[in-house]
Amino acid sequence: MGLIQYLFSNPPVFFLLVIPLVYSLTIHEVAHGWVAGRFGDHTAKLEGRLTLNPLSHLDPLGAVVLLLFGFGWAKPVPVNFYNLRPFKLGLVAVALAGCLANILFAALALFLLQIPVIAANRDLATILNVLAYINIILGAFNLIPIPPLDGSKILLVMLPAAGQRLFLRLEPFGFIILIVLLKLNILDPLINFVSGAIMLAIGLVIHFKS
């Protein structure tokens, strides 16, 4: 979903979307750093990256891609994985943290849409729907087990030693592999499946709470 369409069709919605979408990328990275700190690595804090100031995390290209295509990235928060204790649990927790932050952001947007006065406001409902959609996509996309995405770290922990060595050899080419798979639309079914599962889980929780 490209957001530029709103710049021409509904400029107020576009500009009201920009800030929370930038924060969608920000909270993803802050979550990584915060959880890393809970497991013993304080690199992000020492480098001033445990801040909600989006300027500390902004990647210009990632922000442009977000506006054009509906998903993007911020500057990766620094984490020294060798400081994590226990290592495997810490690695998985740090990797999942960013995705969970986006999922919670999406859940909040969808929860607000359950309030009648908010749902009745067409522009506000549009903003919240887009926020929920993009944060679910960000969460699902980052769970793909291809470097440099978060899911690759989870897969690495699950592999046997021989598989880890092979995986680490492929890691430098991960970004190229990812781009090719995206270009060929091979990852679309996986992203759609995971996004649907996340949406279902959020729906069940909101229904239970209500």
N, C-alpha and C. Protein backbone atom coordinates (compact mmCIF):
# COMPACT_ATOMS: atom_id res chain seq x y z
N MET A 1 0.85 -1.19 0.00
CA MET A 1 0.00 0.00 0.00
C MET A 1 0.88 1.24 0.00
N GLY A 2 0.89 1.99 -1.07
CA GLY A 2 1.66 3.22 -1.11
C GLY A 2 0.90 4.35 -0.46
N LEU A 3 1.61 5.12 0.36
CA LEU A 3 0.94 6.21 1.09
C LEU A 3 0.90 7.50 0.28
N ILE A 4 1.72 7.58 -0.77
CA ILE A 4 1.76 8.79 -1.58
C ILE A 4 0.38 9.09 -2.18
N GLN A 5 -0.43 8.05 -2.39
CA GLN A 5 -1.77 8.26 -2.94
C GLN A 5 -2.57 9.23 -2.08
N TYR A 6 -2.36 9.16 -0.76
CA TYR A 6 -3.11 10.04 0.14
C TYR A 6 -2.65 11.49 0.03
N LEU A 7 -1.40 11.69 -0.40
CA LEU A 7 -0.90 13.05 -0.55
C LEU A 7 -1.72 13.81 -1.59
N PHE A 8 -2.20 13.08 -2.59
CA PHE A 8 -2.98 13.72 -3.65
C PHE A 8 -4.49 13.61 -3.43
N SER A 9 -4.91 12.48 -2.85
CA SER A 9 -6.36 12.29 -2.67
C SER A 9 -6.88 12.88 -1.37
N ASN A 10 -6.03 12.89 -0.33
CA ASN A 10 -6.46 13.39 0.98
C ASN A 10 -5.24 13.88 1.75
N PRO A 11 -4.72 15.07 1.42
CA PRO A 11 -3.49 15.57 2.05
C PRO A 11 -3.52 15.60 3.58
N PRO A 12 -4.63 16.01 4.24
CA PRO A 12 -4.63 16.00 5.71
C PRO A 12 -4.35 14.61 6.29
N VAL A 13 -4.95 13.58 5.69
CA VAL A 13 -4.72 12.22 6.16
C VAL A 13 -3.26 11.84 5.98
N PHE A 14 -2.69 12.22 4.83
CA PHE A 14 -1.28 11.89 4.57
C PHE A 14 -0.38 12.48 5.66
N PHE A 15 -0.53 13.76 5.93
CA PHE A 15 0.36 14.42 6.89
C PHE A 15 0.11 13.96 8.33
N LEU A 16 -1.13 13.59 8.64
CA LEU A 16 -1.42 13.05 9.97
C LEU A 16 -0.89 11.63 10.12
N LEU A 17 -0.68 10.93 9.01
CA LEU A 17 -0.14 9.58 9.05
C LEU A 17 1.37 9.56 9.22
N VAL A 18 2.05 10.56 8.71
CA VAL A 18 3.51 10.53 8.66
C VAL A 18 4.13 10.33 10.03
N ILE A 19 3.69 11.09 11.02
CA ILE A 19 4.31 11.03 12.35
C ILE A 19 4.12 9.66 13.00
N PRO A 20 2.89 9.14 13.11
CA PRO A 20 2.76 7.81 13.74
C PRO A 20 3.45 6.70 12.95
N LEU A 21 3.56 6.86 11.64
CA LEU A 21 4.27 5.83 10.86
C LEU A 21 5.77 5.87 11.12
N VAL A 22 6.32 7.07 11.26
CA VAL A 22 7.73 7.18 11.63
C VAL A 22 7.95 6.55 13.01
N TYR A 23 6.99 6.75 13.90
CA TYR A 23 7.11 6.13 15.23
C TYR A 23 6.94 4.62 15.17
N SER A 24 6.27 4.11 14.14
CA SER A 24 6.17 2.67 13.97
C SER A 24 7.56 2.06 13.78
N LEU A 25 8.40 2.76 13.02
CA LEU A 25 9.78 2.30 12.82
C LEU A 25 10.61 2.53 14.08
N THR A 26 10.35 3.65 14.76
CA THR A 26 11.11 4.01 15.96
C THR A 26 10.90 2.99 17.08
N ILE A 27 9.63 2.66 17.36
CA ILE A 27 9.37 1.74 18.47
C ILE A 27 9.91 0.35 18.17
N HIS A 28 9.98 -0.01 16.89
CA HIS A 28 10.55 -1.30 16.52
C HIS A 28 12.00 -1.40 16.99
N GLU A 29 12.77 -0.36 16.71
CA GLU A 29 14.19 -0.37 17.08
C GLU A 29 14.39 -0.19 18.58
N VAL A 30 13.61 0.70 19.20
CA VAL A 30 13.74 0.91 20.65
C VAL A 30 13.42 -0.38 21.41
N ALA A 31 12.44 -1.12 20.92
CA ALA A 31 12.08 -2.39 21.57
C ALA A 31 13.25 -3.36 21.54
N HIS A 32 13.94 -3.44 20.41
CA HIS A 32 15.14 -4.30 20.33
C HIS A 32 16.14 -3.91 21.41
N GLY A 33 16.45 -2.62 21.49
CA GLY A 33 17.46 -2.16 22.44
C GLY A 33 17.04 -2.32 23.88
N TRP A 34 15.76 -2.06 24.17
CA TRP A 34 15.27 -2.16 25.54
C TRP A 34 15.33 -3.60 26.03
N VAL A 35 14.88 -4.54 25.20
CA VAL A 35 14.90 -5.95 25.59
C VAL A 35 16.34 -6.45 25.71
N ALA A 36 17.21 -5.98 24.81
CA ALA A 36 18.63 -6.36 24.93
C ALA A 36 19.18 -5.95 26.29
N GLY A 37 18.78 -4.77 26.76
CA GLY A 37 19.22 -4.31 28.08
C GLY A 37 18.75 -5.21 29.19
N ARG A 38 17.54 -5.76 29.06
CA ARG A 38 17.01 -6.67 30.07
C ARG A 38 17.82 -7.97 30.12
N PHE A 39 18.47 -8.30 29.01
CA PHE A 39 19.26 -9.53 28.95
C PHE A 39 20.77 -9.25 29.07
N GLY A 40 21.12 -8.05 29.46
CA GLY A 40 22.52 -7.78 29.81
C GLY A 40 23.32 -6.96 28.83
N ASP A 41 22.76 -6.62 27.66
CA ASP A 41 23.52 -5.80 26.71
C ASP A 41 22.98 -4.37 26.70
N HIS A 42 23.81 -3.43 27.09
CA HIS A 42 23.39 -2.04 27.22
C HIS A 42 23.99 -1.14 26.13
N THR A 43 24.37 -1.77 25.02
CA THR A 43 25.00 -1.02 23.93
C THR A 43 24.08 0.09 23.41
N ALA A 44 22.82 -0.23 23.21
CA ALA A 44 21.88 0.77 22.68
C ALA A 44 21.76 1.96 23.62
N LYS A 45 21.68 1.69 24.92
CA LYS A 45 21.58 2.78 25.90
C LYS A 45 22.83 3.63 25.90
N LEU A 46 23.99 2.99 25.85
CA LEU A 46 25.26 3.72 25.89
C LEU A 46 25.44 4.59 24.65
N GLU A 47 24.85 4.18 23.52
CA GLU A 47 24.97 4.95 22.29
C GLU A 47 23.79 5.89 22.07
N GLY A 48 22.96 6.06 23.10
CA GLY A 48 21.87 7.01 23.02
C GLY A 48 20.72 6.61 22.12
N ARG A 49 20.53 5.32 21.92
CA ARG A 49 19.49 4.87 21.01
C ARG A 49 18.22 4.41 21.73
N LEU A 50 18.21 4.44 23.06
CA LEU A 50 16.98 4.11 23.78
C LEU A 50 16.18 5.40 23.97
N THR A 51 15.81 5.99 22.89
CA THR A 51 15.04 7.23 22.90
C THR A 51 13.92 7.13 21.88
N LEU A 52 12.81 7.78 22.18
CA LEU A 52 11.69 7.80 21.25
C LEU A 52 11.78 8.97 20.28
N ASN A 53 12.91 9.67 20.30
CA ASN A 53 13.15 10.73 19.31
C ASN A 53 13.42 10.07 17.96
N PRO A 54 12.50 10.20 17.00
CA PRO A 54 12.66 9.48 15.73
C PRO A 54 13.90 9.91 14.94
N LEU A 55 14.40 11.11 15.20
CA LEU A 55 15.59 11.57 14.49
C LEU A 55 16.82 10.72 14.82
N SER A 56 16.80 10.08 15.99
CA SER A 56 17.93 9.23 16.38
C SER A 56 17.91 7.89 15.65
N HIS A 57 16.78 7.56 15.04
CA HIS A 57 16.62 6.26 14.40
C HIS A 57 16.35 6.36 12.90
N LEU A 58 16.11 7.55 12.42
CA LEU A 58 15.64 7.73 11.04
C LEU A 58 16.67 7.29 10.02
N ASP A 59 16.23 6.44 9.11
CA ASP A 59 17.00 6.10 7.92
C ASP A 59 16.27 6.73 6.74
N PRO A 60 16.85 7.74 6.08
CA PRO A 60 16.11 8.45 5.03
C PRO A 60 15.54 7.55 3.95
N LEU A 61 16.33 6.58 3.48
CA LEU A 61 15.85 5.67 2.44
C LEU A 61 14.71 4.82 2.97
N GLY A 62 14.86 4.29 4.18
CA GLY A 62 13.81 3.47 4.76
C GLY A 62 12.52 4.22 4.94
N ALA A 63 12.61 5.52 5.30
CA ALA A 63 11.42 6.34 5.47
C ALA A 63 10.73 6.59 4.13
N VAL A 64 11.53 6.83 3.08
CA VAL A 64 10.96 7.06 1.75
C VAL A 64 10.26 5.79 1.25
N VAL A 65 10.91 4.64 1.45
CA VAL A 65 10.31 3.37 1.03
C VAL A 65 9.00 3.13 1.77
N LEU A 66 8.97 3.50 3.05
CA LEU A 66 7.74 3.35 3.83
C LEU A 66 6.60 4.15 3.20
N LEU A 67 6.89 5.37 2.80
CA LEU A 67 5.86 6.23 2.22
C LEU A 67 5.43 5.74 0.84
N LEU A 68 6.37 5.17 0.11
CA LEU A 68 6.06 4.73 -1.25
C LEU A 68 5.38 3.37 -1.31
N PHE A 69 5.84 2.45 -0.44
CA PHE A 69 5.40 1.05 -0.57
C PHE A 69 4.69 0.50 0.65
N GLY A 70 4.65 1.26 1.75
CA GLY A 70 3.90 0.79 2.91
C GLY A 70 4.71 -0.01 3.91
N PHE A 71 5.99 -0.25 3.64
CA PHE A 71 6.86 -0.83 4.66
C PHE A 71 8.25 -0.25 4.47
N GLY A 72 9.00 -0.15 5.57
CA GLY A 72 10.33 0.46 5.48
C GLY A 72 11.16 0.04 6.67
N TRP A 73 12.18 0.83 6.97
CA TRP A 73 13.07 0.47 8.07
C TRP A 73 13.71 1.71 8.65
N ALA A 74 14.19 1.57 9.89
CA ALA A 74 14.97 2.60 10.55
C ALA A 74 16.41 2.11 10.67
N LYS A 75 17.30 2.94 11.21
CA LYS A 75 18.67 2.50 11.45
C LYS A 75 18.64 1.41 12.52
N PRO A 76 19.25 0.26 12.26
CA PRO A 76 19.24 -0.81 13.27
C PRO A 76 19.86 -0.35 14.57
N VAL A 77 19.19 -0.65 15.66
CA VAL A 77 19.74 -0.31 16.97
C VAL A 77 20.92 -1.25 17.24
N PRO A 78 22.02 -0.73 17.81
CA PRO A 78 23.19 -1.60 18.05
C PRO A 78 22.95 -2.57 19.20
N VAL A 79 23.21 -3.83 18.95
CA VAL A 79 23.09 -4.88 19.97
C VAL A 79 24.31 -5.78 19.87
N ASN A 80 25.00 -5.97 20.99
CA ASN A 80 26.11 -6.93 21.04
C ASN A 80 25.54 -8.24 21.58
N PHE A 81 25.22 -9.14 20.68
CA PHE A 81 24.53 -10.36 21.07
C PHE A 81 25.37 -11.24 22.00
N TYR A 82 26.68 -11.07 21.98
CA TYR A 82 27.53 -11.88 22.84
C TYR A 82 27.39 -11.49 24.32
N ASN A 83 26.78 -10.33 24.58
CA ASN A 83 26.56 -9.91 25.96
C ASN A 83 25.27 -10.47 26.54
N LEU A 84 24.43 -11.07 25.71
CA LEU A 84 23.12 -11.53 26.17
C LEU A 84 23.24 -12.78 27.04
N ARG A 85 22.54 -12.76 28.17
CA ARG A 85 22.53 -13.90 29.08
C ARG A 85 21.11 -14.16 29.58
N PRO A 86 20.58 -15.39 29.38
CA PRO A 86 21.17 -16.48 28.61
C PRO A 86 21.15 -16.16 27.12
N PHE A 87 22.12 -16.65 26.41
CA PHE A 87 22.35 -16.21 25.03
C PHE A 87 21.18 -16.52 24.11
N LYS A 88 20.77 -17.80 24.04
CA LYS A 88 19.75 -18.18 23.07
C LYS A 88 18.41 -17.50 23.37
N LEU A 89 18.00 -17.52 24.63
CA LEU A 89 16.74 -16.89 24.99
C LEU A 89 16.80 -15.39 24.72
N GLY A 90 17.94 -14.78 25.05
CA GLY A 90 18.10 -13.35 24.81
C GLY A 90 18.05 -13.02 23.34
N LEU A 91 18.69 -13.84 22.52
CA LEU A 91 18.70 -13.60 21.07
C LEU A 91 17.29 -13.65 20.50
N VAL A 92 16.52 -14.66 20.90
CA VAL A 92 15.14 -14.80 20.41
C VAL A 92 14.29 -13.65 20.92
N ALA A 93 14.44 -13.30 22.18
CA ALA A 93 13.63 -12.22 22.77
C ALA A 93 13.91 -10.88 22.09
N VAL A 94 15.18 -10.60 21.85
CA VAL A 94 15.54 -9.33 21.18
C VAL A 94 14.99 -9.32 19.75
N ALA A 95 15.11 -10.44 19.06
CA ALA A 95 14.62 -10.52 17.68
C ALA A 95 13.10 -10.32 17.62
N LEU A 96 12.38 -10.90 18.58
CA LEU A 96 10.92 -10.81 18.58
C LEU A 96 10.41 -9.45 19.05
N ALA A 97 11.22 -8.74 19.80
CA ALA A 97 10.76 -7.52 20.46
C ALA A 97 10.25 -6.48 19.47
N GLY A 98 10.99 -6.26 18.39
CA GLY A 98 10.56 -5.26 17.41
C GLY A 98 9.25 -5.62 16.75
N CYS A 99 9.12 -6.89 16.38
CA CYS A 99 7.87 -7.35 15.75
C CYS A 99 6.69 -7.20 16.71
N LEU A 100 6.90 -7.57 17.97
CA LEU A 100 5.82 -7.47 18.96
C LEU A 100 5.43 -6.02 19.20
N ALA A 101 6.41 -5.12 19.15
CA ALA A 101 6.10 -3.70 19.32
C ALA A 101 5.17 -3.22 18.22
N ASN A 102 5.45 -3.62 16.98
CA ASN A 102 4.58 -3.24 15.86
C ASN A 102 3.20 -3.88 15.99
N ILE A 103 3.15 -5.12 16.44
CA ILE A 103 1.86 -5.79 16.60
C ILE A 103 1.02 -5.10 17.68
N LEU A 104 1.66 -4.69 18.77
CA LEU A 104 0.94 -3.97 19.82
C LEU A 104 0.45 -2.61 19.34
N PHE A 105 1.26 -1.95 18.51
CA PHE A 105 0.86 -0.67 17.93
C PHE A 105 -0.39 -0.89 17.05
N ALA A 106 -0.37 -1.95 16.26
CA ALA A 106 -1.52 -2.27 15.41
C ALA A 106 -2.75 -2.59 16.27
N ALA A 107 -2.54 -3.34 17.34
CA ALA A 107 -3.65 -3.70 18.22
C ALA A 107 -4.28 -2.45 18.84
N LEU A 108 -3.44 -1.49 19.23
CA LEU A 108 -3.96 -0.24 19.79
C LEU A 108 -4.82 0.50 18.77
N ALA A 109 -4.33 0.57 17.53
CA ALA A 109 -5.10 1.26 16.47
C ALA A 109 -6.44 0.57 16.24
N LEU A 110 -6.43 -0.75 16.20
CA LEU A 110 -7.68 -1.49 15.97
C LEU A 110 -8.62 -1.39 17.17
N PHE A 111 -8.05 -1.32 18.36
CA PHE A 111 -8.88 -1.15 19.56
C PHE A 111 -9.58 0.21 19.52
N LEU A 112 -8.86 1.25 19.14
CA LEU A 112 -9.46 2.59 19.06
C LEU A 112 -10.59 2.63 18.04
N LEU A 113 -10.48 1.80 17.02
CA LEU A 113 -11.52 1.75 15.99
C LEU A 113 -12.82 1.13 16.51
N GLN A 114 -12.76 0.50 17.67
CA GLN A 114 -13.97 -0.06 18.27
C GLN A 114 -14.81 1.01 18.98
N ILE A 115 -14.23 2.20 19.16
CA ILE A 115 -14.95 3.30 19.81
C ILE A 115 -15.82 3.97 18.76
N PRO A 116 -17.13 3.99 18.93
CA PRO A 116 -18.03 4.48 17.89
C PRO A 116 -17.73 5.88 17.37
N VAL A 117 -17.40 6.82 18.26
CA VAL A 117 -17.16 8.19 17.82
C VAL A 117 -15.92 8.28 16.94
N ILE A 118 -14.95 7.41 17.17
CA ILE A 118 -13.74 7.38 16.34
C ILE A 118 -14.03 6.71 15.01
N ALA A 119 -14.72 5.58 15.06
CA ALA A 119 -15.05 4.85 13.83
C ALA A 119 -15.94 5.67 12.90
N ALA A 120 -16.72 6.59 13.49
CA ALA A 120 -17.63 7.40 12.68
C ALA A 120 -16.91 8.53 11.94
N ASN A 121 -15.70 8.85 12.37
CA ASN A 121 -14.92 9.90 11.71
C ASN A 121 -14.13 9.25 10.57
N ARG A 122 -14.50 9.54 9.33
CA ARG A 122 -13.92 8.82 8.19
C ARG A 122 -12.41 8.99 8.11
N ASP A 123 -11.90 10.22 8.28
CA ASP A 123 -10.45 10.43 8.16
C ASP A 123 -9.70 9.74 9.28
N LEU A 124 -10.21 9.86 10.49
CA LEU A 124 -9.54 9.23 11.63
C LEU A 124 -9.58 7.71 11.49
N ALA A 125 -10.69 7.17 11.02
CA ALA A 125 -10.79 5.73 10.81
C ALA A 125 -9.80 5.27 9.73
N THR A 126 -9.65 6.07 8.69
CA THR A 126 -8.68 5.75 7.63
C THR A 126 -7.26 5.70 8.19
N ILE A 127 -6.91 6.71 8.99
CA ILE A 127 -5.57 6.78 9.57
C ILE A 127 -5.31 5.55 10.44
N LEU A 128 -6.25 5.19 11.29
CA LEU A 128 -6.05 4.06 12.19
C LEU A 128 -6.00 2.74 11.43
N ASN A 129 -6.82 2.60 10.39
CA ASN A 129 -6.78 1.39 9.57
C ASN A 129 -5.44 1.24 8.87
N VAL A 130 -4.93 2.33 8.30
CA VAL A 130 -3.63 2.28 7.63
C VAL A 130 -2.52 1.98 8.63
N LEU A 131 -2.56 2.61 9.81
CA LEU A 131 -1.56 2.35 10.84
C LEU A 131 -1.56 0.88 11.24
N ALA A 132 -2.77 0.34 11.45
CA ALA A 132 -2.87 -1.07 11.84
C ALA A 132 -2.31 -1.97 10.74
N TYR A 133 -2.71 -1.70 9.50
CA TYR A 133 -2.28 -2.53 8.37
C TYR A 133 -0.76 -2.52 8.23
N ILE A 134 -0.17 -1.34 8.25
CA ILE A 134 1.28 -1.24 8.03
C ILE A 134 2.05 -1.86 9.19
N ASN A 135 1.58 -1.66 10.42
CA ASN A 135 2.30 -2.25 11.55
C ASN A 135 2.19 -3.77 11.55
N ILE A 136 1.06 -4.30 11.11
CA ILE A 136 0.94 -5.76 10.97
C ILE A 136 1.90 -6.27 9.90
N ILE A 137 1.98 -5.54 8.78
CA ILE A 137 2.90 -5.93 7.71
C ILE A 137 4.35 -5.86 8.20
N LEU A 138 4.69 -4.80 8.94
CA LEU A 138 6.05 -4.67 9.48
C LEU A 138 6.37 -5.84 10.41
N GLY A 139 5.42 -6.19 11.27
CA GLY A 139 5.63 -7.31 12.18
C GLY A 139 5.79 -8.62 11.43
N ALA A 140 4.90 -8.86 10.46
CA ALA A 140 4.95 -10.11 9.69
C ALA A 140 6.21 -10.19 8.83
N PHE A 141 6.53 -9.09 8.16
CA PHE A 141 7.68 -9.07 7.25
C PHE A 141 8.98 -9.35 8.00
N ASN A 142 9.12 -8.76 9.18
CA ASN A 142 10.37 -8.95 9.93
C ASN A 142 10.51 -10.33 10.53
N LEU A 143 9.43 -11.10 10.54
CA LEU A 143 9.51 -12.47 11.04
C LEU A 143 10.03 -13.44 9.98
N ILE A 144 10.17 -12.99 8.73
CA ILE A 144 10.71 -13.86 7.68
C ILE A 144 12.15 -14.24 8.03
N PRO A 145 12.50 -15.52 7.98
CA PRO A 145 13.83 -15.96 8.41
C PRO A 145 14.92 -15.79 7.36
N ILE A 146 15.05 -14.58 6.84
CA ILE A 146 16.09 -14.26 5.87
C ILE A 146 16.86 -13.04 6.39
N PRO A 147 18.20 -13.11 6.47
CA PRO A 147 18.96 -11.94 6.92
C PRO A 147 18.69 -10.75 6.00
N PRO A 148 18.65 -9.54 6.51
CA PRO A 148 18.93 -9.15 7.89
C PRO A 148 17.68 -9.07 8.76
N LEU A 149 16.60 -9.71 8.37
CA LEU A 149 15.34 -9.61 9.11
C LEU A 149 15.43 -10.35 10.45
N ASP A 150 14.57 -9.96 11.39
CA ASP A 150 14.63 -10.51 12.74
C ASP A 150 14.40 -12.01 12.77
N GLY A 151 13.56 -12.51 11.88
CA GLY A 151 13.28 -13.94 11.85
C GLY A 151 14.51 -14.79 11.59
N SER A 152 15.53 -14.21 10.94
CA SER A 152 16.74 -14.98 10.65
C SER A 152 17.49 -15.34 11.93
N LYS A 153 17.41 -14.46 12.94
CA LYS A 153 18.10 -14.74 14.21
C LYS A 153 17.37 -15.84 14.98
N ILE A 154 16.05 -15.86 14.86
CA ILE A 154 15.29 -16.92 15.52
C ILE A 154 15.59 -18.26 14.86
N LEU A 155 15.63 -18.28 13.52
CA LEU A 155 15.97 -19.52 12.81
C LEU A 155 17.37 -19.99 13.16
N LEU A 156 18.32 -19.06 13.28
CA LEU A 156 19.71 -19.41 13.57
C LEU A 156 19.80 -20.18 14.89
N VAL A 157 19.05 -19.75 15.89
CA VAL A 157 19.08 -20.42 17.19
C VAL A 157 18.51 -21.84 17.10
N MET A 158 17.54 -22.03 16.22
CA MET A 158 16.86 -23.32 16.11
C MET A 158 17.64 -24.36 15.31
N LEU A 159 18.60 -23.90 14.49
CA LEU A 159 19.34 -24.82 13.62
C LEU A 159 20.41 -25.57 14.39
N PRO A 160 20.74 -26.80 13.97
CA PRO A 160 21.89 -27.50 14.54
C PRO A 160 23.19 -26.81 14.13
N ALA A 161 24.28 -27.21 14.72
CA ALA A 161 25.57 -26.53 14.50
C ALA A 161 25.93 -26.46 13.02
N ALA A 162 25.76 -27.57 12.30
CA ALA A 162 26.11 -27.60 10.87
C ALA A 162 25.22 -26.62 10.10
N GLY A 163 23.94 -26.58 10.44
CA GLY A 163 23.02 -25.66 9.77
C GLY A 163 23.36 -24.21 10.07
N GLN A 164 23.80 -23.94 11.29
CA GLN A 164 24.19 -22.57 11.66
C GLN A 164 25.38 -22.11 10.85
N ARG A 165 26.37 -23.01 10.65
CA ARG A 165 27.55 -22.64 9.87
C ARG A 165 27.17 -22.32 8.43
N LEU A 166 26.30 -23.14 7.85
CA LEU A 166 25.85 -22.90 6.47
C LEU A 166 25.05 -21.60 6.39
N PHE A 167 24.20 -21.38 7.36
CA PHE A 167 23.37 -20.18 7.38
C PHE A 167 24.23 -18.92 7.47
N LEU A 168 25.27 -18.97 8.29
CA LEU A 168 26.15 -17.82 8.47
C LEU A 168 26.94 -17.53 7.19
N ARG A 169 27.22 -18.56 6.40
CA ARG A 169 27.90 -18.35 5.12
C ARG A 169 26.99 -17.62 4.14
N LEU A 170 25.68 -17.90 4.22
CA LEU A 170 24.72 -17.28 3.32
C LEU A 170 24.32 -15.87 3.77
N GLU A 171 24.58 -15.56 5.04
CA GLU A 171 24.10 -14.30 5.62
C GLU A 171 24.53 -13.06 4.84
N PRO A 172 25.79 -12.97 4.35
CA PRO A 172 26.18 -11.77 3.60
C PRO A 172 25.35 -11.54 2.34
N PHE A 173 24.72 -12.59 1.83
CA PHE A 173 23.92 -12.47 0.61
C PHE A 173 22.42 -12.37 0.91
N GLY A 174 22.09 -12.29 2.20
CA GLY A 174 20.69 -12.31 2.61
C GLY A 174 19.87 -11.19 2.01
N PHE A 175 20.42 -9.99 1.99
CA PHE A 175 19.66 -8.85 1.49
C PHE A 175 19.35 -9.02 0.00
N ILE A 176 20.33 -9.52 -0.75
CA ILE A 176 20.12 -9.75 -2.19
C ILE A 176 19.05 -10.82 -2.39
N ILE A 177 19.15 -11.90 -1.62
CA ILE A 177 18.16 -12.98 -1.71
C ILE A 177 16.77 -12.44 -1.40
N LEU A 178 16.69 -11.60 -0.37
CA LEU A 178 15.41 -11.03 0.04
C LEU A 178 14.80 -10.17 -1.06
N ILE A 179 15.62 -9.33 -1.67
CA ILE A 179 15.14 -8.44 -2.74
C ILE A 179 14.63 -9.27 -3.93
N VAL A 180 15.38 -10.30 -4.30
CA VAL A 180 14.98 -11.15 -5.43
C VAL A 180 13.65 -11.84 -5.14
N LEU A 181 13.51 -12.40 -3.94
CA LEU A 181 12.27 -13.08 -3.58
C LEU A 181 11.08 -12.13 -3.54
N LEU A 182 11.33 -10.90 -3.08
CA LEU A 182 10.26 -9.90 -3.07
C LEU A 182 9.88 -9.50 -4.49
N LYS A 183 10.89 -9.33 -5.32
CA LYS A 183 10.65 -8.94 -6.70
C LYS A 183 9.84 -9.99 -7.44
N LEU A 184 10.08 -11.26 -7.13
CA LEU A 184 9.37 -12.36 -7.79
C LEU A 184 8.05 -12.70 -7.09
N ASN A 185 7.72 -11.93 -6.04
CA ASN A 185 6.48 -12.13 -5.28
C ASN A 185 6.40 -13.50 -4.61
N ILE A 186 7.54 -14.12 -4.41
CA ILE A 186 7.56 -15.45 -3.81
C ILE A 186 7.19 -15.41 -2.32
N LEU A 187 7.50 -14.29 -1.67
CA LEU A 187 7.24 -14.18 -0.24
C LEU A 187 5.82 -13.73 0.09
N ASP A 188 5.07 -13.32 -0.93
CA ASP A 188 3.73 -12.79 -0.68
C ASP A 188 2.83 -13.76 0.08
N PRO A 189 2.77 -15.05 -0.30
CA PRO A 189 1.90 -15.97 0.45
C PRO A 189 2.29 -16.08 1.93
N LEU A 190 3.61 -16.09 2.20
CA LEU A 190 4.07 -16.20 3.59
C LEU A 190 3.69 -14.94 4.37
N ILE A 191 3.94 -13.77 3.77
CA ILE A 191 3.61 -12.51 4.44
C ILE A 191 2.10 -12.43 4.69
N ASN A 192 1.32 -12.82 3.70
CA ASN A 192 -0.14 -12.77 3.84
C ASN A 192 -0.63 -13.73 4.92
N PHE A 193 -0.01 -14.92 4.98
CA PHE A 193 -0.41 -15.90 5.99
C PHE A 193 -0.10 -15.39 7.40
N VAL A 194 1.13 -14.90 7.59
CA VAL A 194 1.52 -14.42 8.92
C VAL A 194 0.70 -13.19 9.30
N SER A 195 0.49 -12.29 8.34
CA SER A 195 -0.33 -11.10 8.61
C SER A 195 -1.74 -11.50 9.02
N GLY A 196 -2.31 -12.49 8.31
CA GLY A 196 -3.64 -12.97 8.65
C GLY A 196 -3.70 -13.57 10.04
N ALA A 197 -2.66 -14.32 10.42
CA ALA A 197 -2.61 -14.92 11.75
C ALA A 197 -2.52 -13.85 12.83
N ILE A 198 -1.71 -12.82 12.57
CA ILE A 198 -1.60 -11.71 13.53
C ILE A 198 -2.93 -10.98 13.66
N MET A 199 -3.57 -10.72 12.53
CA MET A 199 -4.86 -10.04 12.54
C MET A 199 -5.90 -10.85 13.30
N LEU A 200 -5.89 -12.15 13.10
CA LEU A 200 -6.83 -13.03 13.80
C LEU A 200 -6.60 -12.99 15.30
N ALA A 201 -5.32 -13.05 15.70
CA ALA A 201 -4.99 -13.02 17.13
C ALA A 201 -5.43 -11.70 17.77
N ILE A 202 -5.16 -10.58 17.07
CA ILE A 202 -5.57 -9.28 17.60
C ILE A 202 -7.09 -9.21 17.71
N GLY A 203 -7.78 -9.71 16.68
CA GLY A 203 -9.24 -9.69 16.70
C GLY A 203 -9.80 -10.49 17.86
N LEU A 204 -9.21 -11.65 18.14
CA LEU A 204 -9.67 -12.48 19.25
C LEU A 204 -9.46 -11.77 20.59
N VAL A 205 -8.32 -11.11 20.74
CA VAL A 205 -8.03 -10.40 21.99
C VAL A 205 -8.99 -9.23 22.18
N ILE A 206 -9.17 -8.43 21.12
CA ILE A 206 -10.07 -7.27 21.22
C ILE A 206 -11.50 -7.73 21.51
N HIS A 207 -11.93 -8.81 20.85
CA HIS A 207 -13.28 -9.33 21.09
C HIS A 207 -13.42 -9.81 22.52
N PHE A 208 -12.36 -10.48 23.05
CA PHE A 208 -12.40 -10.98 24.42
C PHE A 208 -12.46 -9.82 25.41
N LYS A 209 -11.65 -8.76 25.15
CA LYS A 209 -11.62 -7.61 26.05
C LYS A 209 -12.95 -6.86 26.06
N SER A 210 -13.58 -6.83 24.89
CA SER A 210 -14.83 -6.09 24.79
C SER A 210 -16.01 -6.91 25.32
